[in-house]
Amino acid sequence: MEQTEPTGRCDFLDVLEESAHFKRPVQVELRNGERFEAQVLDVVTEAGEDYVLFPDRERLPVTQIVRCQSTLNHDPHNYDPKL
């Protein structure tokens, strides 16, 4: 599942939380053009702002992400196998 900025914050959060839950990396592109692949450790909300925690990085505001893509091979419309 690939999510880009126009899709919305909730879709980004779904992809990031899936990465943390399944312990699989996501491919991320930031507003500044930086791209990387990493596993999400956690997603937290503080004072109305969502942050993602990656290993070996400072916490990152979700608003700085313009694209994130799961590395899981699945149908994003079928969550039954994940439950």
N, C-alpha and C. Protein backbone atom coordinates (compact mmCIF):
# COMPACT_ATOMS: atom_id res chain seq x y z
N MET A 1 0.86 -1.18 0.00
CA MET A 1 0.00 0.00 0.00
C MET A 1 0.90 1.23 0.00
N GLU A 2 0.67 2.11 -0.92
CA GLU A 2 1.43 3.35 -0.98
C GLU A 2 0.50 4.50 -0.63
N GLN A 3 0.99 5.40 0.18
CA GLN A 3 0.20 6.57 0.54
C GLN A 3 1.01 7.81 0.24
N THR A 4 0.36 8.81 -0.33
CA THR A 4 0.99 10.09 -0.59
C THR A 4 0.20 11.17 0.09
N GLU A 5 0.77 12.33 0.23
CA GLU A 5 0.21 13.42 1.00
C GLU A 5 -1.28 13.69 0.76
N PRO A 6 -1.77 13.80 -0.48
CA PRO A 6 -3.18 14.13 -0.66
C PRO A 6 -4.14 13.12 -0.05
N THR A 7 -3.70 11.89 0.19
CA THR A 7 -4.56 10.86 0.73
C THR A 7 -4.95 11.17 2.17
N GLY A 8 -4.04 11.73 2.93
CA GLY A 8 -4.40 12.14 4.28
C GLY A 8 -3.60 11.51 5.38
N ARG A 9 -3.65 12.20 6.50
CA ARG A 9 -2.91 11.82 7.70
C ARG A 9 -3.29 10.43 8.19
N CYS A 10 -4.56 10.11 8.20
CA CYS A 10 -5.00 8.82 8.72
C CYS A 10 -4.42 7.66 7.91
N ASP A 11 -4.33 7.83 6.59
CA ASP A 11 -3.77 6.77 5.76
C ASP A 11 -2.27 6.59 6.05
N PHE A 12 -1.55 7.69 6.23
CA PHE A 12 -0.14 7.60 6.62
C PHE A 12 -0.02 6.84 7.94
N LEU A 13 -0.85 7.19 8.89
CA LEU A 13 -0.80 6.56 10.20
C LEU A 13 -1.06 5.06 10.09
N ASP A 14 -2.01 4.66 9.24
CA ASP A 14 -2.29 3.23 9.05
C ASP A 14 -1.05 2.49 8.56
N VAL A 15 -0.38 3.04 7.56
CA VAL A 15 0.82 2.40 7.00
C VAL A 15 1.93 2.35 8.05
N LEU A 16 2.13 3.43 8.78
CA LEU A 16 3.19 3.48 9.79
C LEU A 16 2.90 2.53 10.95
N GLU A 17 1.66 2.50 11.41
CA GLU A 17 1.30 1.60 12.51
C GLU A 17 1.38 0.14 12.07
N GLU A 18 1.06 -0.14 10.82
CA GLU A 18 1.20 -1.50 10.30
C GLU A 18 2.67 -1.92 10.34
N SER A 19 3.57 -1.01 9.98
CA SER A 19 5.00 -1.31 10.03
C SER A 19 5.44 -1.66 11.44
N ALA A 20 4.97 -0.89 12.41
CA ALA A 20 5.33 -1.16 13.81
C ALA A 20 4.77 -2.51 14.26
N HIS A 21 3.52 -2.77 13.92
CA HIS A 21 2.87 -4.01 14.36
C HIS A 21 3.51 -5.26 13.76
N PHE A 22 3.76 -5.24 12.44
CA PHE A 22 4.30 -6.41 11.76
C PHE A 22 5.82 -6.45 11.73
N LYS A 23 6.45 -5.40 12.29
CA LYS A 23 7.92 -5.32 12.35
C LYS A 23 8.54 -5.47 10.95
N ARG A 24 7.94 -4.73 10.01
CA ARG A 24 8.43 -4.70 8.64
C ARG A 24 8.72 -3.26 8.26
N PRO A 25 9.73 -3.04 7.44
CA PRO A 25 10.07 -1.66 7.07
C PRO A 25 9.07 -1.02 6.12
N VAL A 26 9.11 0.29 6.09
CA VAL A 26 8.36 1.09 5.13
C VAL A 26 9.36 1.93 4.35
N GLN A 27 8.98 2.27 3.14
CA GLN A 27 9.77 3.20 2.33
C GLN A 27 9.16 4.57 2.55
N VAL A 28 10.00 5.55 2.88
CA VAL A 28 9.52 6.88 3.26
C VAL A 28 10.20 7.94 2.41
N GLU A 29 9.44 8.94 2.01
CA GLU A 29 9.99 10.12 1.37
C GLU A 29 9.54 11.34 2.17
N LEU A 30 10.52 12.20 2.49
CA LEU A 30 10.25 13.40 3.28
C LEU A 30 10.09 14.62 2.39
N ARG A 31 9.53 15.68 2.96
CA ARG A 31 9.34 16.95 2.23
C ARG A 31 10.66 17.48 1.66
N ASN A 32 11.77 17.25 2.36
CA ASN A 32 13.06 17.76 1.90
C ASN A 32 13.69 16.89 0.81
N GLY A 33 12.98 15.83 0.37
CA GLY A 33 13.47 14.97 -0.70
C GLY A 33 14.21 13.74 -0.22
N GLU A 34 14.54 13.68 1.05
CA GLU A 34 15.24 12.52 1.59
C GLU A 34 14.34 11.29 1.50
N ARG A 35 14.95 10.16 1.13
CA ARG A 35 14.24 8.88 1.05
C ARG A 35 15.00 7.85 1.87
N PHE A 36 14.26 7.00 2.54
CA PHE A 36 14.89 5.93 3.30
C PHE A 36 13.89 4.81 3.54
N GLU A 37 14.41 3.67 3.97
CA GLU A 37 13.58 2.54 4.35
C GLU A 37 13.94 2.17 5.78
N ALA A 38 12.93 2.02 6.62
CA ALA A 38 13.17 1.67 8.02
C ALA A 38 11.91 1.09 8.64
N GLN A 39 12.10 0.35 9.70
CA GLN A 39 10.97 -0.19 10.46
C GLN A 39 10.52 0.86 11.47
N VAL A 40 9.23 1.03 11.60
CA VAL A 40 8.68 1.95 12.58
C VAL A 40 8.70 1.29 13.95
N LEU A 41 9.21 2.01 14.94
CA LEU A 41 9.18 1.51 16.31
C LEU A 41 7.84 1.83 16.98
N ASP A 42 7.34 3.05 16.74
CA ASP A 42 6.10 3.47 17.36
C ASP A 42 5.59 4.74 16.68
N VAL A 43 4.31 4.99 16.83
CA VAL A 43 3.68 6.23 16.39
C VAL A 43 3.00 6.81 17.61
N VAL A 44 3.33 8.08 17.92
CA VAL A 44 2.79 8.72 19.12
C VAL A 44 2.16 10.06 18.75
N THR A 45 1.23 10.49 19.59
CA THR A 45 0.59 11.79 19.42
C THR A 45 0.86 12.62 20.66
N GLU A 46 1.38 13.82 20.46
CA GLU A 46 1.65 14.75 21.56
C GLU A 46 1.15 16.12 21.15
N ALA A 47 0.32 16.71 21.98
CA ALA A 47 -0.22 18.05 21.74
C ALA A 47 -0.84 18.18 20.35
N GLY A 48 -1.55 17.13 19.92
CA GLY A 48 -2.23 17.17 18.64
C GLY A 48 -1.37 16.90 17.43
N GLU A 49 -0.08 16.65 17.62
CA GLU A 49 0.84 16.37 16.51
C GLU A 49 1.23 14.90 16.56
N ASP A 50 1.22 14.23 15.40
CA ASP A 50 1.62 12.82 15.30
C ASP A 50 3.10 12.74 14.95
N TYR A 51 3.80 11.84 15.63
CA TYR A 51 5.23 11.62 15.41
C TYR A 51 5.47 10.14 15.18
N VAL A 52 6.44 9.84 14.34
CA VAL A 52 6.84 8.46 14.10
C VAL A 52 8.25 8.28 14.63
N LEU A 53 8.49 7.14 15.27
CA LEU A 53 9.80 6.82 15.83
C LEU A 53 10.44 5.72 15.01
N PHE A 54 11.61 6.03 14.46
CA PHE A 54 12.41 5.07 13.71
C PHE A 54 13.70 4.83 14.48
N PRO A 55 14.32 3.65 14.33
CA PRO A 55 15.62 3.44 14.97
C PRO A 55 16.66 4.39 14.37
N ASP A 56 17.57 4.84 15.19
CA ASP A 56 18.70 5.66 14.73
C ASP A 56 18.29 6.99 14.08
N ARG A 57 17.11 7.51 14.44
CA ARG A 57 16.65 8.81 13.95
C ARG A 57 15.93 9.52 15.08
N GLU A 58 15.93 10.85 15.00
CA GLU A 58 15.10 11.61 15.92
C GLU A 58 13.65 11.38 15.54
N ARG A 59 12.75 11.59 16.52
CA ARG A 59 11.33 11.41 16.18
C ARG A 59 10.97 12.39 15.07
N LEU A 60 10.09 11.94 14.20
CA LEU A 60 9.79 12.67 12.98
C LEU A 60 8.30 13.03 12.95
N PRO A 61 7.97 14.31 12.77
CA PRO A 61 6.56 14.66 12.62
C PRO A 61 5.99 14.03 11.35
N VAL A 62 4.84 13.41 11.46
CA VAL A 62 4.21 12.78 10.30
C VAL A 62 3.96 13.81 9.20
N THR A 63 3.77 15.06 9.56
CA THR A 63 3.55 16.11 8.57
C THR A 63 4.74 16.31 7.64
N GLN A 64 5.92 15.79 8.00
CA GLN A 64 7.10 15.91 7.15
C GLN A 64 7.18 14.81 6.10
N ILE A 65 6.29 13.83 6.17
CA ILE A 65 6.29 12.72 5.22
C ILE A 65 5.36 13.05 4.06
N VAL A 66 5.89 12.91 2.83
CA VAL A 66 5.05 13.13 1.66
C VAL A 66 4.65 11.81 0.99
N ARG A 67 5.35 10.74 1.32
CA ARG A 67 5.02 9.43 0.76
C ARG A 67 5.53 8.35 1.70
N CYS A 68 4.72 7.33 1.88
CA CYS A 68 5.20 6.14 2.59
C CYS A 68 4.53 4.92 1.97
N GLN A 69 5.32 3.86 1.88
CA GLN A 69 4.85 2.66 1.23
C GLN A 69 5.26 1.45 2.05
N SER A 70 4.31 0.60 2.31
CA SER A 70 4.57 -0.63 3.04
C SER A 70 5.39 -1.58 2.18
N THR A 71 6.19 -2.40 2.82
CA THR A 71 6.91 -3.44 2.10
C THR A 71 6.19 -4.78 2.21
N LEU A 72 5.04 -4.80 2.91
CA LEU A 72 4.22 -6.01 2.99
C LEU A 72 3.51 -6.23 1.67
N ASN A 73 3.43 -7.46 1.24
CA ASN A 73 2.67 -7.81 0.05
C ASN A 73 1.30 -8.27 0.49
N HIS A 74 0.31 -7.39 0.33
CA HIS A 74 -1.05 -7.73 0.70
C HIS A 74 -2.03 -6.85 -0.04
N ASP A 75 -3.26 -7.25 -0.01
CA ASP A 75 -4.33 -6.45 -0.59
C ASP A 75 -4.76 -5.45 0.47
N PRO A 76 -4.56 -4.14 0.26
CA PRO A 76 -4.88 -3.15 1.29
C PRO A 76 -6.36 -3.10 1.62
N HIS A 77 -7.20 -3.72 0.79
CA HIS A 77 -8.63 -3.71 1.04
C HIS A 77 -9.10 -4.93 1.80
N ASN A 78 -8.19 -5.83 2.12
CA ASN A 78 -8.55 -7.04 2.83
C ASN A 78 -7.70 -7.17 4.09
N TYR A 79 -8.27 -6.82 5.22
CA TYR A 79 -7.54 -6.87 6.48
C TYR A 79 -7.78 -8.17 7.24
N ASP A 80 -8.60 -9.09 6.72
CA ASP A 80 -8.91 -10.32 7.43
C ASP A 80 -7.67 -11.11 7.83
N PRO A 81 -6.68 -11.31 6.93
CA PRO A 81 -5.50 -12.09 7.34
C PRO A 81 -4.68 -11.42 8.44
N LYS A 82 -4.84 -10.13 8.63
CA LYS A 82 -4.06 -9.41 9.63
C LYS A 82 -4.67 -9.52 11.02
N LEU A 83 -5.93 -9.90 11.10
CA LEU A 83 -6.61 -9.95 12.39
C LEU A 83 -6.32 -11.22 13.13
